[in-house]
Protein backbone atom coordinates (compact mmCIF):
# COMPACT_ATOMS: atom_id res chain seq x y z
CA MET A 1 16.27 -9.01 -11.54
CA MET A 2 13.14 -6.95 -12.06
CA LYS A 3 13.67 -3.96 -14.42
CA ILE A 4 11.93 -0.74 -13.65
CA ILE A 5 11.18 1.36 -16.64
CA HIS A 6 9.65 4.96 -16.40
CA LEU A 7 7.30 6.30 -19.13
CA SER A 8 5.75 9.39 -19.71
CA TYR A 9 3.26 10.65 -22.50
CA PRO A 10 4.11 10.88 -25.19
CA LEU A 11 6.52 8.10 -25.50
CA GLN A 12 10.24 8.99 -26.16
CA PHE A 13 12.23 6.56 -28.24
CA PRO A 14 14.30 4.77 -27.97
CA ILE A 15 12.85 3.44 -24.66
CA PRO A 16 15.82 2.27 -22.39
CA ASN A 17 15.71 -1.60 -21.38
CA LEU A 18 12.60 -2.63 -23.50
CA PRO A 19 12.50 -6.13 -23.99
CA ASP A 20 13.54 -7.58 -27.51
CA SER A 21 10.64 -9.96 -27.38
CA GLN A 22 6.81 -9.82 -27.12
CA GLN A 23 5.70 -9.63 -23.34
CA VAL A 24 2.52 -9.97 -21.34
CA LEU A 25 1.57 -6.68 -19.66
CA ALA A 26 -0.94 -6.61 -16.46
CA ILE A 27 -2.21 -2.93 -16.22
CA GLY A 28 -3.49 -1.32 -13.00
CA ASP A 29 -2.97 1.14 -10.18
CA PHE A 30 -2.02 -2.03 -7.81
CA ASP A 31 -2.41 0.14 -4.70
CA GLY A 32 -2.23 -2.24 -1.90
CA ILE A 33 -1.31 -5.17 -4.04
CA HIS A 34 -3.94 -7.04 -2.31
CA LEU A 35 -5.19 -10.65 -3.48
CA GLY A 36 -7.21 -9.15 -6.40
CA HIS A 37 -4.22 -7.59 -7.78
CA GLN A 38 -2.10 -10.75 -7.00
CA TYR A 39 -4.96 -12.80 -8.87
CA VAL A 40 -4.50 -10.44 -11.96
CA ILE A 41 -0.70 -10.86 -11.91
CA GLN A 42 -1.00 -14.60 -11.58
CA ASN A 43 -3.31 -14.58 -14.56
CA ALA A 44 -0.78 -12.64 -16.32
CA ARG A 45 2.17 -14.93 -15.15
CA ASN A 46 0.32 -18.03 -16.51
CA ILE A 47 0.19 -16.60 -19.85
CA ALA A 48 3.66 -15.52 -19.97
CA LYS A 49 4.95 -18.85 -18.94
CA ARG A 50 2.80 -20.75 -21.57
CA ASN A 51 4.33 -18.58 -24.11
CA GLN A 52 7.81 -18.50 -22.77
CA ILE A 53 8.02 -14.46 -22.81
CA PRO A 54 8.57 -11.76 -20.22
CA LEU A 55 5.94 -10.75 -17.46
CA SER A 56 5.44 -7.19 -16.94
CA ILE A 57 3.02 -4.83 -15.38
CA MET A 58 2.15 -1.16 -15.73
CA THR A 59 1.19 1.01 -12.84
CA PHE A 60 0.78 4.74 -12.62
CA ASN A 61 2.32 7.37 -10.34
CA PRO A 62 0.89 9.81 -8.77
CA HIS A 63 -2.51 7.95 -8.32
CA PRO A 64 -4.73 8.96 -11.23
CA ARG A 65 -7.44 9.95 -8.63
CA GLU A 66 -5.04 12.29 -6.82
CA VAL A 67 -4.29 13.91 -10.26
CA LEU A 68 -8.12 14.31 -10.92
CA GLY A 69 -8.81 16.11 -7.52
CA GLN A 70 -9.48 13.34 -4.95
CA SER A 71 -7.23 14.43 -2.15
CA LYS A 72 -7.41 11.40 -0.18
CA TYR A 73 -5.46 9.39 -2.74
CA SER A 74 -2.46 11.57 -2.01
CA ARG A 75 -1.88 8.82 0.72
CA TYR A 76 -1.30 5.19 -0.45
CA LEU A 77 -1.86 1.63 1.09
CA VAL A 78 1.55 0.96 -0.41
CA PRO A 79 3.52 4.09 -1.55
CA LEU A 80 5.75 3.76 -4.57
CA GLN A 81 8.90 2.56 -3.13
CA LYS A 82 7.26 0.01 -1.00
CA LYS A 83 5.32 -1.15 -3.95
CA MET A 84 8.35 -1.89 -5.98
CA GLU A 85 9.93 -3.84 -3.12
CA LEU A 86 6.52 -6.01 -2.95
CA LEU A 87 6.42 -6.34 -6.74
CA GLU A 88 10.09 -7.58 -6.55
CA SER A 89 8.93 -10.60 -4.40
CA LEU A 90 6.30 -11.55 -7.13
CA ASP A 91 9.15 -12.48 -9.68
CA LEU A 92 8.16 -9.99 -12.33
CA ASP A 93 10.49 -9.03 -15.37
CA TYR A 94 9.54 -5.71 -15.90
CA VAL A 95 7.57 -2.88 -14.05
CA TYR A 96 6.57 0.37 -16.14
CA ILE A 97 5.90 3.23 -13.89
CA VAL A 98 3.79 5.77 -15.86
CA HIS A 99 3.81 9.42 -14.78
CA PHE A 100 0.39 10.50 -14.40
CA ASP A 101 -0.57 14.02 -14.91
CA LYS A 102 -3.24 16.31 -16.46
CA GLU A 103 -2.08 15.93 -19.79
CA PHE A 104 -1.80 12.13 -19.63
CA SER A 105 -5.60 12.25 -18.15
CA LYS A 106 -6.72 13.74 -21.39
CA VAL A 107 -5.37 11.17 -23.83
CA SER A 108 -8.09 9.50 -25.88
CA THR A 109 -8.77 5.71 -25.70
CA ASP A 110 -7.30 5.23 -29.21
CA ASP A 111 -4.15 7.19 -28.52
CA PHE A 112 -3.60 5.51 -25.08
CA VAL A 113 -3.75 2.04 -26.83
CA ASN A 114 -2.03 2.84 -30.42
CA LYS A 115 0.50 5.47 -29.30
CA PHE A 116 1.24 4.25 -25.70
CA LEU A 117 0.72 0.59 -25.55
CA PHE A 118 1.45 -0.80 -29.06
CA PRO A 119 5.00 0.48 -29.10
CA LEU A 120 5.74 -1.73 -26.12
CA LYS A 121 5.58 -4.95 -28.34
CA LEU A 122 2.84 -6.47 -26.35
CA HIS A 123 1.69 -10.19 -26.72
CA THR A 124 -1.27 -9.85 -24.27
CA ILE A 125 -2.75 -7.16 -22.14
CA VAL A 126 -4.33 -8.44 -18.70
CA VAL A 127 -6.61 -6.08 -16.88
CA GLY A 128 -9.26 -6.50 -14.27
CA PHE A 129 -13.08 -6.47 -15.32
CA ASP A 130 -13.67 -2.88 -14.05
CA PHE A 131 -10.53 -1.51 -15.79
CA THR A 132 -11.00 1.99 -17.41
CA PHE A 133 -8.72 4.20 -19.38
CA GLY A 134 -8.64 7.29 -21.62
CA TYR A 135 -10.18 10.69 -21.20
CA ARG A 136 -12.61 10.65 -18.22
CA GLY A 137 -12.16 7.09 -18.00
CA SER A 138 -14.36 6.41 -20.99
CA GLY A 139 -12.68 3.14 -22.16
CA THR A 140 -13.87 0.11 -20.60
CA VAL A 141 -12.53 -3.48 -21.14
CA GLU A 142 -15.08 -3.87 -24.27
CA THR A 143 -13.26 -0.79 -25.68
CA LEU A 144 -9.98 -2.20 -25.25
CA LYS A 145 -10.83 -5.44 -26.85
CA GLN A 146 -12.33 -3.57 -29.96
CA ILE A 147 -9.25 -1.40 -30.44
CA CYS A 148 -6.74 -4.28 -30.01
CA ASP A 149 -8.67 -6.72 -32.25
CA ARG A 150 -6.32 -9.03 -33.89
CA ARG A 151 -3.38 -7.01 -33.17
CA MET A 152 -2.82 -8.34 -29.58
CA SER A 153 -4.79 -10.35 -27.08
CA VAL A 154 -6.80 -9.01 -24.13
CA ASN A 155 -7.46 -10.92 -21.02
CA ILE A 156 -10.22 -9.80 -18.75
CA VAL A 157 -9.82 -11.18 -15.14
CA GLU A 158 -13.00 -11.51 -12.86
CA PRO A 159 -13.09 -10.08 -9.66
CA TYR A 160 -11.60 -11.64 -6.75
CA ASN A 161 -14.15 -12.23 -3.96
CA LEU A 162 -13.76 -13.33 -0.50
CA ASN A 163 -16.63 -13.94 1.66
CA GLY A 164 -19.18 -12.42 -0.50
CA GLU A 165 -17.10 -9.32 -0.87
CA LYS A 166 -15.02 -8.12 -3.81
CA VAL A 167 -11.36 -7.60 -2.60
CA SER A 168 -10.37 -3.91 -3.54
CA SER A 169 -8.26 -0.99 -2.57
CA THR A 170 -11.52 0.82 -1.56
CA LEU A 171 -12.36 -1.92 0.56
CA ILE A 172 -8.97 -1.85 2.53
CA ARG A 173 -9.29 1.78 2.74
CA GLU A 174 -12.65 1.62 4.37
CA GLN A 175 -11.50 -1.13 6.72
CA LEU A 176 -8.32 0.99 7.76
CA HIS A 177 -10.77 4.12 8.46
CA LEU A 178 -12.74 1.88 10.79
CA GLY A 179 -9.80 0.52 12.69
CA ASN A 180 -10.26 -3.11 11.38
CA VAL A 181 -6.70 -3.84 10.77
CA ASP A 182 -6.95 -7.36 11.70
CA ARG A 183 -8.94 -7.79 8.58
CA ILE A 184 -6.34 -6.40 6.14
CA ARG A 185 -4.28 -9.66 6.18
CA GLN A 186 -7.11 -11.54 4.65
CA PHE A 187 -7.63 -9.17 1.83
CA THR A 188 -3.64 -8.85 1.07
CA GLY A 189 -2.03 -11.86 2.67
CA ARG A 190 0.09 -9.73 4.95
CA ASP A 191 -0.54 -7.16 8.16
CA TYR A 192 -1.01 -3.73 7.02
CA PHE A 193 2.26 -1.77 7.75
CA ILE A 194 3.91 1.60 7.76
CA THR A 195 7.64 2.72 7.90
CA GLY A 196 9.12 5.79 9.25
CA THR A 197 12.08 7.24 11.20
CA VAL A 198 12.20 7.47 15.00
CA VAL A 199 12.36 11.17 15.79
CA HIS A 200 12.67 13.13 19.02
CA GLY A 201 9.11 13.86 20.85
CA ASP A 202 8.31 15.78 24.04
CA GLY A 203 9.71 12.84 26.11
CA ARG A 204 6.72 12.52 28.25
CA GLY A 205 6.50 8.75 27.80
CA ARG A 206 9.69 8.20 29.74
CA THR A 207 8.60 10.36 32.58
CA ILE A 208 5.59 8.11 33.18
CA GLY A 209 7.20 4.87 32.84
CA PHE A 210 6.28 4.14 29.27
CA PRO A 211 9.17 5.28 26.88
CA THR A 212 7.70 5.61 23.39
CA ALA A 213 9.51 5.82 19.85
CA ASN A 214 7.88 8.86 18.13
CA ILE A 215 7.73 7.88 14.35
CA GLU A 216 7.68 10.16 11.51
CA ILE A 217 6.41 8.15 8.47
CA SER A 218 8.77 8.12 5.60
CA GLU A 219 6.45 7.82 2.78
CA PRO A 220 2.54 9.06 2.25
CA PHE A 221 0.90 6.02 3.66
CA VAL A 222 -2.78 5.77 4.48
CA LEU A 223 -2.96 5.91 8.47
CA PRO A 224 -5.65 3.72 10.19
CA LYS A 225 -8.10 5.42 12.34
CA LYS A 226 -6.89 7.30 15.59
CA GLY A 227 -6.46 4.91 18.50
CA VAL A 228 -4.30 2.24 20.19
CA TYR A 229 -3.00 -0.76 18.48
CA VAL A 230 -1.28 -3.77 18.86
CA VAL A 231 1.77 -3.85 16.74
CA LYS A 232 4.95 -5.82 15.59
CA ILE A 233 7.85 -3.55 14.99
CA SER A 234 10.83 -4.43 12.98
CA LEU A 235 14.11 -2.58 13.71
CA ASN A 236 17.72 -3.52 12.77
CA ASP A 237 16.62 -7.06 11.57
CA LYS A 238 15.00 -7.82 14.90
CA VAL A 239 11.25 -8.01 15.51
CA TYR A 240 9.47 -6.65 18.77
CA SER A 241 5.82 -6.56 19.90
CA GLY A 242 4.27 -3.36 21.37
CA VAL A 243 1.62 -0.78 21.33
CA LEU A 244 1.11 2.11 19.18
CA ASN A 245 -1.20 5.28 19.58
CA ILE A 246 -2.09 7.27 16.50
CA GLY A 247 -3.58 10.48 17.93
CA VAL A 248 -3.31 14.08 19.18
CA LYS A 249 -2.60 13.32 22.68
CA PRO A 250 -5.84 15.05 24.32
CA THR A 251 -4.70 14.42 27.76
CA PHE A 252 -1.86 16.78 27.46
CA TYR A 253 -2.83 19.09 24.45
CA GLU A 254 -6.00 21.16 23.91
CA GLU A 255 -5.38 21.63 20.33
CA ASN A 256 -2.95 19.31 18.39
CA ILE A 257 -4.37 19.02 14.87
CA THR A 258 -1.76 16.78 13.44
CA PRO A 259 -1.85 13.02 14.45
CA THR A 260 1.50 11.65 15.85
CA LEU A 261 2.55 7.98 16.07
CA GLU A 262 3.95 6.87 19.26
CA ALA A 263 5.08 3.12 19.96
CA HIS A 264 5.87 1.61 23.28
CA ILE A 265 8.19 -1.33 22.51
CA PHE A 266 7.98 -4.08 24.97
CA ASP A 267 11.21 -5.11 26.91
CA PHE A 268 13.16 -2.53 24.91
CA SER A 269 15.38 0.37 26.17
CA GLU A 270 17.86 1.21 23.45
CA ASP A 271 18.47 4.66 21.80
CA ILE A 272 17.06 4.49 18.36
CA TYR A 273 16.82 7.97 17.33
CA ASP A 274 17.04 8.52 13.48
CA GLU A 275 16.45 4.62 12.89
CA GLU A 276 14.26 3.31 10.32
CA ILE A 277 11.49 1.24 11.66
CA LYS A 278 8.69 -0.82 10.17
CA VAL A 279 5.13 -1.08 12.00
CA GLU A 280 2.74 -3.72 11.27
CA PHE A 281 -0.74 -3.47 12.80
CA LEU A 282 -2.02 -6.51 14.15
CA SER A 283 -5.30 -5.45 16.29
CA TYR A 284 -7.16 -2.33 17.46
CA LEU A 285 -7.43 -1.97 21.19
CA ARG A 286 -9.35 1.14 21.80
CA ASP A 287 -10.10 4.74 20.82
CA GLU A 288 -7.96 7.52 21.95
CA LYS A 289 -9.53 9.44 24.91
CA ARG A 290 -8.63 12.34 27.19
CA PHE A 291 -7.81 11.20 30.81
CA GLN A 292 -8.75 13.35 33.90
CA SER A 293 -5.33 12.71 35.33
CA VAL A 294 -1.73 11.29 34.35
CA GLU A 295 -2.42 8.44 36.86
CA ALA A 296 -5.46 7.52 35.03
CA LEU A 297 -3.67 7.48 31.78
CA VAL A 298 -0.88 5.38 33.12
CA GLU A 299 -3.45 2.78 34.56
CA GLN A 300 -5.01 2.61 31.05
CA ILE A 301 -1.73 2.27 29.32
CA LYS A 302 -1.07 -0.71 31.71
CA GLU A 303 -4.15 -2.31 30.81
CA ASP A 304 -3.43 -1.77 27.01
CA VAL A 305 0.10 -3.50 27.51
CA LYS A 306 -1.52 -6.41 29.35
CA LYS A 307 -4.08 -6.91 26.52
CA ALA A 308 -1.58 -6.59 23.74
CA LYS A 309 0.79 -9.12 25.42
CA LEU A 310 -2.08 -11.57 25.86
CA TYR A 311 -3.03 -11.09 22.26
CA THR A 312 0.47 -11.79 20.86
CA GLN A 313 0.41 -14.82 23.03
CA LYS A 314 -2.77 -16.15 21.92
CA SER A 315 -2.37 -15.43 18.38
CA ASN A 316 1.08 -17.20 18.37
CA ILE A 317 2.82 -13.90 16.78
CA ASN A 318 6.09 -14.77 15.06
CA LEU A 319 8.66 -12.37 16.75
């Protein structure tokens, strides 16, 4: 069972649930838990197994870039709760969630290592090649090795490349911004997903023959670009296919700044208001656009549904 330990700076002792033995610690934001992150964790796992000691990771919340003023990082590829669920599946012993705030951002490189890492009784620290730490990110992997010299080992993991591209959270965010959701699975090993609650909408979908589930996202996920997608929907331990629109419904509203998420679930007619729902994005169908009439919109939706069903059949989607 993975133990979760919350830390803040300065450390408060005693630290509950701290392992008695030394441990291997992989450090990073791990937003998205993509193949690059998994590669870092696998390197740490190998060292832990060789030495028969616990495997731990350290991550930060909120995202350091959000705290430092980059507002786009207020949304996550995998928000904290979902990150913990995914990490649980990676067979970790401990996860340290560090509260990142302005005070912590000003900690020197020496203090981060000496006052924050050393007390955790570490055998080996494992980080990616581009890891930075300390005030204004002034510490590099070389700095880390110098400070840790002879007191603990530092393992530097090279970038994980796929088809000539470095797999990174930034790359995944860029692909989502472009709507290239079908590329995400090759970077993460899974389809990009969001979760949310089905809420009441304006009911218009039912009146035109395509009832939709209006989804209010449960955590601050990064949303793909506006448009229509082929999706897989998990609800009450069952999986369905469907189409989902992210957008502002320009056919019906002149001004609607906040994007909404509406899913039309194929062959489904149950009342699911207030139910939790998981949406996995499989493929991008088209941009959102304004139609001259409701009839034209209906014809387009029929075409969307036809294409989506063909996609799921050809791709042999597991439902």
